[in-house]
């Protein structure tokens, strides 16, 4: 089995729904637990190209939610290319909006979230990837409030320890540093290319914003 599978990488990028007008896709390279590279991408082809270039050099992880394009004012050298960096450049204040939610504890989701479970993709570690049907704004630049509301809808508990809007996940289709000869790359356990109709409205209401 090959260590790189372009189709899965492109499928993953599609799931992210990071349109260029929403923000940037963060791509990190890790050596064990240590960050060694960061890139910020505004298009699919460059994202896939850098995944291929760095494929066997470390674990590749991408941000679930788009990062603000304002990051390029300070880190223009990271645009559409991975550069060697040993510390992250993104904080929760740099999250542009919510386009997806990854739940690492599927057995604890609420009935509202369970209604969508059969139509979501499952990542290699068993986490559920819930793509929003429309982006959810970070209300009044208050990421903690947004995260608590999302946590309450998915997990029944409005706590920041359960939902991280800056979360990174390993990129399916890229090399697994801990893989074997027969399983050398990360894969989807289940891939579902569906848009989850109504999920964004269910989470934040008809106005597209969170309620007090």
Protein backbone atom coordinates (compact mmCIF):
# COMPACT_ATOMS: atom_id res chain seq x y z
CA UNK A 1 0.00 0.00 0.00
CA UNK A 2 1.29 3.48 -0.89
CA UNK A 3 2.13 6.04 1.78
CA UNK A 4 0.22 8.82 0.00
CA UNK A 5 -3.29 8.73 -1.43
CA UNK A 6 -4.25 11.96 -3.17
CA UNK A 7 -7.95 11.15 -3.44
CA UNK A 8 -8.34 10.87 0.34
CA UNK A 9 -6.42 14.12 0.88
CA UNK A 10 -8.74 15.92 -1.54
CA UNK A 11 -11.80 14.35 0.04
CA UNK A 12 -10.63 15.60 3.42
CA UNK A 13 -10.05 19.11 2.07
CA UNK A 14 -13.59 19.10 0.66
CA UNK A 15 -14.96 18.15 4.08
CA UNK A 16 -13.22 21.14 5.65
CA UNK A 17 -15.21 23.55 3.40
CA UNK A 18 -12.53 26.22 3.74
CA UNK A 19 -13.54 28.54 0.93
CA UNK A 20 -10.98 31.25 0.26
CA UNK A 21 -13.41 34.00 1.31
CA UNK A 22 -13.80 32.37 4.74
CA UNK A 23 -10.15 32.08 5.69
CA UNK A 24 -7.09 29.86 5.54
CA UNK A 25 -6.40 26.18 6.15
CA UNK A 26 -3.64 25.60 8.68
CA UNK A 27 -1.36 22.62 7.97
CA UNK A 28 1.13 21.51 10.63
CA UNK A 29 3.97 19.00 10.49
CA UNK A 30 4.90 17.21 13.70
CA UNK A 31 7.88 15.09 14.65
CA UNK A 32 6.43 13.06 17.49
CA UNK A 33 4.80 15.68 19.70
CA UNK A 34 7.05 18.49 18.45
CA UNK A 35 5.90 21.02 15.86
CA UNK A 36 8.43 21.39 13.04
CA UNK A 37 6.51 23.14 10.26
CA UNK A 38 3.44 25.31 9.55
CA UNK A 39 1.66 26.46 6.40
CA UNK A 40 -1.48 28.54 5.73
CA UNK A 41 -3.39 27.65 2.56
CA UNK A 42 -6.05 29.37 0.48
CA UNK A 43 -6.55 26.67 -2.16
CA UNK A 44 -6.83 22.91 -2.53
CA UNK A 45 -4.05 22.24 -5.03
CA UNK A 46 -1.30 23.86 -2.96
CA UNK A 47 -2.59 22.10 0.15
CA UNK A 48 -2.41 18.72 -1.58
CA UNK A 49 1.01 19.52 -3.06
CA UNK A 50 2.53 20.34 0.33
CA UNK A 51 0.94 17.26 1.89
CA UNK A 52 2.71 15.22 -0.77
CA UNK A 53 6.02 17.05 -0.33
CA UNK A 54 6.09 16.58 3.45
CA UNK A 55 4.35 13.22 3.44
CA UNK A 56 7.10 11.08 5.00
CA UNK A 57 8.78 13.86 7.01
CA UNK A 58 6.32 13.86 9.90
CA UNK A 59 2.68 13.65 10.94
CA UNK A 60 0.50 16.05 8.95
CA UNK A 61 -2.40 17.71 10.75
CA UNK A 62 -4.88 20.31 9.49
CA UNK A 63 -7.08 22.77 11.35
CA UNK A 64 -10.75 21.82 11.38
CA UNK A 65 -11.90 25.45 11.16
CA UNK A 66 -10.54 28.22 8.90
CA UNK A 67 -7.98 30.65 10.26
CA UNK A 68 -8.29 34.41 9.72
CA UNK A 69 -6.66 35.75 6.56
CA UNK A 70 -5.22 38.55 8.72
CA UNK A 71 -2.55 36.07 9.83
CA UNK A 72 -0.83 36.66 6.49
CA UNK A 73 -0.13 40.26 7.55
CA UNK A 74 2.40 38.84 10.02
CA UNK A 75 3.14 35.46 8.45
CA UNK A 76 3.00 36.04 4.70
CA UNK A 77 5.81 33.55 4.15
CA UNK A 78 3.49 30.74 5.25
CA UNK A 79 1.00 31.32 2.43
CA UNK A 80 0.48 28.11 0.46
CA UNK A 81 3.78 26.65 1.63
CA UNK A 82 5.05 24.91 4.77
CA UNK A 83 7.94 26.64 6.50
CA UNK A 84 10.07 25.39 9.36
CA UNK A 85 8.56 26.64 12.64
CA UNK A 86 8.73 25.26 16.16
CA UNK A 87 5.84 27.19 17.72
CA UNK A 88 2.24 27.69 16.63
CA UNK A 89 1.16 30.99 15.09
CA UNK A 90 -2.58 30.57 15.68
CA UNK A 91 -4.71 31.29 18.75
CA UNK A 92 -8.44 30.88 19.31
CA UNK A 93 -8.89 34.56 18.43
CA UNK A 94 -7.66 33.73 14.91
CA UNK A 95 -10.53 31.33 14.14
CA UNK A 96 -12.57 32.93 11.37
CA UNK A 97 -15.74 30.83 11.73
CA UNK A 98 -16.89 27.26 12.37
CA UNK A 99 -17.23 25.01 9.32
CA UNK A 100 -16.90 21.68 11.11
CA UNK A 101 -16.82 19.99 14.50
CA UNK A 102 -14.82 16.88 15.37
CA UNK A 103 -16.07 14.76 18.26
CA UNK A 104 -13.49 12.38 19.70
CA UNK A 105 -15.94 10.74 22.13
CA UNK A 106 -18.79 9.48 19.90
CA UNK A 107 -20.41 7.52 22.73
CA UNK A 108 -21.24 10.71 24.61
CA UNK A 109 -23.05 12.81 22.01
CA UNK A 110 -26.57 14.13 22.52
CA UNK A 111 -29.71 12.89 20.78
CA UNK A 112 -29.66 15.99 18.57
CA UNK A 113 -26.19 15.08 17.31
CA UNK A 114 -27.05 11.39 17.03
CA UNK A 115 -29.66 12.26 14.41
CA UNK A 116 -26.79 13.16 12.04
CA UNK A 117 -24.32 10.43 12.98
CA UNK A 118 -25.07 8.02 10.11
CA UNK A 119 -24.18 10.71 7.56
CA UNK A 120 -20.84 11.86 9.00
CA UNK A 121 -17.33 10.73 8.13
CA UNK A 122 -15.28 8.80 10.68
CA UNK A 123 -11.58 9.59 10.91
CA UNK A 124 -8.84 7.04 11.44
CA UNK A 125 -8.86 7.42 15.22
CA UNK A 126 -12.63 6.92 15.40
CA UNK A 127 -13.51 10.61 15.79
CA UNK A 128 -16.67 11.85 14.08
CA UNK A 129 -16.38 14.74 11.61
CA UNK A 130 -19.55 16.88 11.48
CA UNK A 131 -19.41 19.35 8.53
CA UNK A 132 -21.71 22.33 8.95
CA UNK A 133 -24.21 23.07 6.17
CA UNK A 134 -23.31 26.76 6.51
CA UNK A 135 -20.53 28.41 8.43
CA UNK A 136 -21.21 29.55 11.99
CA UNK A 137 -19.74 32.98 12.77
CA UNK A 138 -17.68 33.65 15.86
CA UNK A 139 -20.12 36.03 17.52
CA UNK A 140 -18.60 39.38 18.51
CA UNK A 141 -15.10 37.86 18.46
CA UNK A 142 -16.02 35.67 21.44
CA UNK A 143 -14.67 32.20 20.59
CA UNK A 144 -15.16 30.82 24.10
CA UNK A 145 -18.89 31.56 24.02
CA UNK A 146 -19.22 29.93 20.62
CA UNK A 147 -17.30 26.87 21.79
CA UNK A 148 -19.49 26.48 24.89
CA UNK A 149 -22.69 26.64 22.85
CA UNK A 150 -21.36 24.04 20.41
CA UNK A 151 -20.24 21.80 23.28
CA UNK A 152 -23.68 22.01 24.87
CA UNK A 153 -25.42 21.02 21.60
CA UNK A 154 -23.10 18.09 20.86
CA UNK A 155 -22.24 16.85 24.34
CA UNK A 156 -24.87 18.29 26.66
CA UNK A 157 -22.27 20.21 28.63
CA UNK A 158 -21.18 23.79 27.96
CA UNK A 159 -17.51 23.37 28.80
CA UNK A 160 -14.39 24.51 26.96
CA UNK A 161 -12.58 21.28 27.82
CA UNK A 162 -14.78 19.33 25.39
CA UNK A 163 -14.71 21.52 22.26
CA UNK A 164 -11.62 23.30 20.89
CA UNK A 165 -12.24 25.56 17.88
CA UNK A 166 -8.50 25.51 17.09
CA UNK A 167 -8.38 21.70 16.99
CA UNK A 168 -6.13 19.94 14.48
CA UNK A 169 -6.74 16.48 13.03
CA UNK A 170 -4.47 14.13 11.11
CA UNK A 171 -4.91 14.27 7.33
CA UNK A 172 -6.32 11.05 5.82
CA UNK A 173 -4.31 9.86 2.85
CA UNK A 174 -0.96 10.90 4.31
CA UNK A 175 1.77 8.79 5.86
CA UNK A 176 1.28 7.39 9.36
CA UNK A 177 4.60 7.65 11.26
CA UNK A 178 3.43 4.74 13.42
CA UNK A 179 2.06 2.75 10.50
CA UNK A 180 3.03 -0.72 9.36
CA UNK A 181 4.03 -2.26 6.04
CA UNK A 182 0.40 -3.21 5.38
CA UNK A 183 -1.09 0.01 6.80
CA UNK A 184 1.44 2.77 6.05
CA UNK A 185 -0.95 5.71 5.81
CA UNK A 186 -3.85 7.33 7.63
CA UNK A 187 -7.29 6.47 6.29
CA UNK A 188 -10.93 7.29 6.80
CA UNK A 189 -12.74 4.58 8.71
CA UNK A 190 -15.82 5.82 6.89
CA UNK A 191 -16.14 8.57 4.29
CA UNK A 192 -19.44 10.36 3.77
CA UNK A 193 -19.46 13.39 1.43
CA UNK A 194 -22.82 14.62 2.68
CA UNK A 195 -23.88 18.10 3.74
CA UNK A 196 -25.74 17.86 7.04
CA UNK A 197 -28.87 19.81 6.19
CA UNK A 198 -30.12 21.95 9.05
CA UNK A 199 -27.32 21.28 11.52
CA UNK A 200 -26.04 24.86 11.69
CA UNK A 201 -29.52 26.23 12.31
CA UNK A 202 -30.14 23.55 14.93
CA UNK A 203 -26.99 24.59 16.78
CA UNK A 204 -27.31 28.36 16.66
CA UNK A 205 -30.87 29.16 15.62
CA UNK A 206 -32.52 30.69 12.58
CA UNK A 207 -30.69 34.01 12.91
CA UNK A 208 -27.32 32.32 12.37
CA UNK A 209 -26.05 33.44 15.74
CA UNK A 210 -26.01 32.08 19.26
CA UNK A 211 -28.69 32.91 21.77
CA UNK A 212 -28.10 33.92 25.37
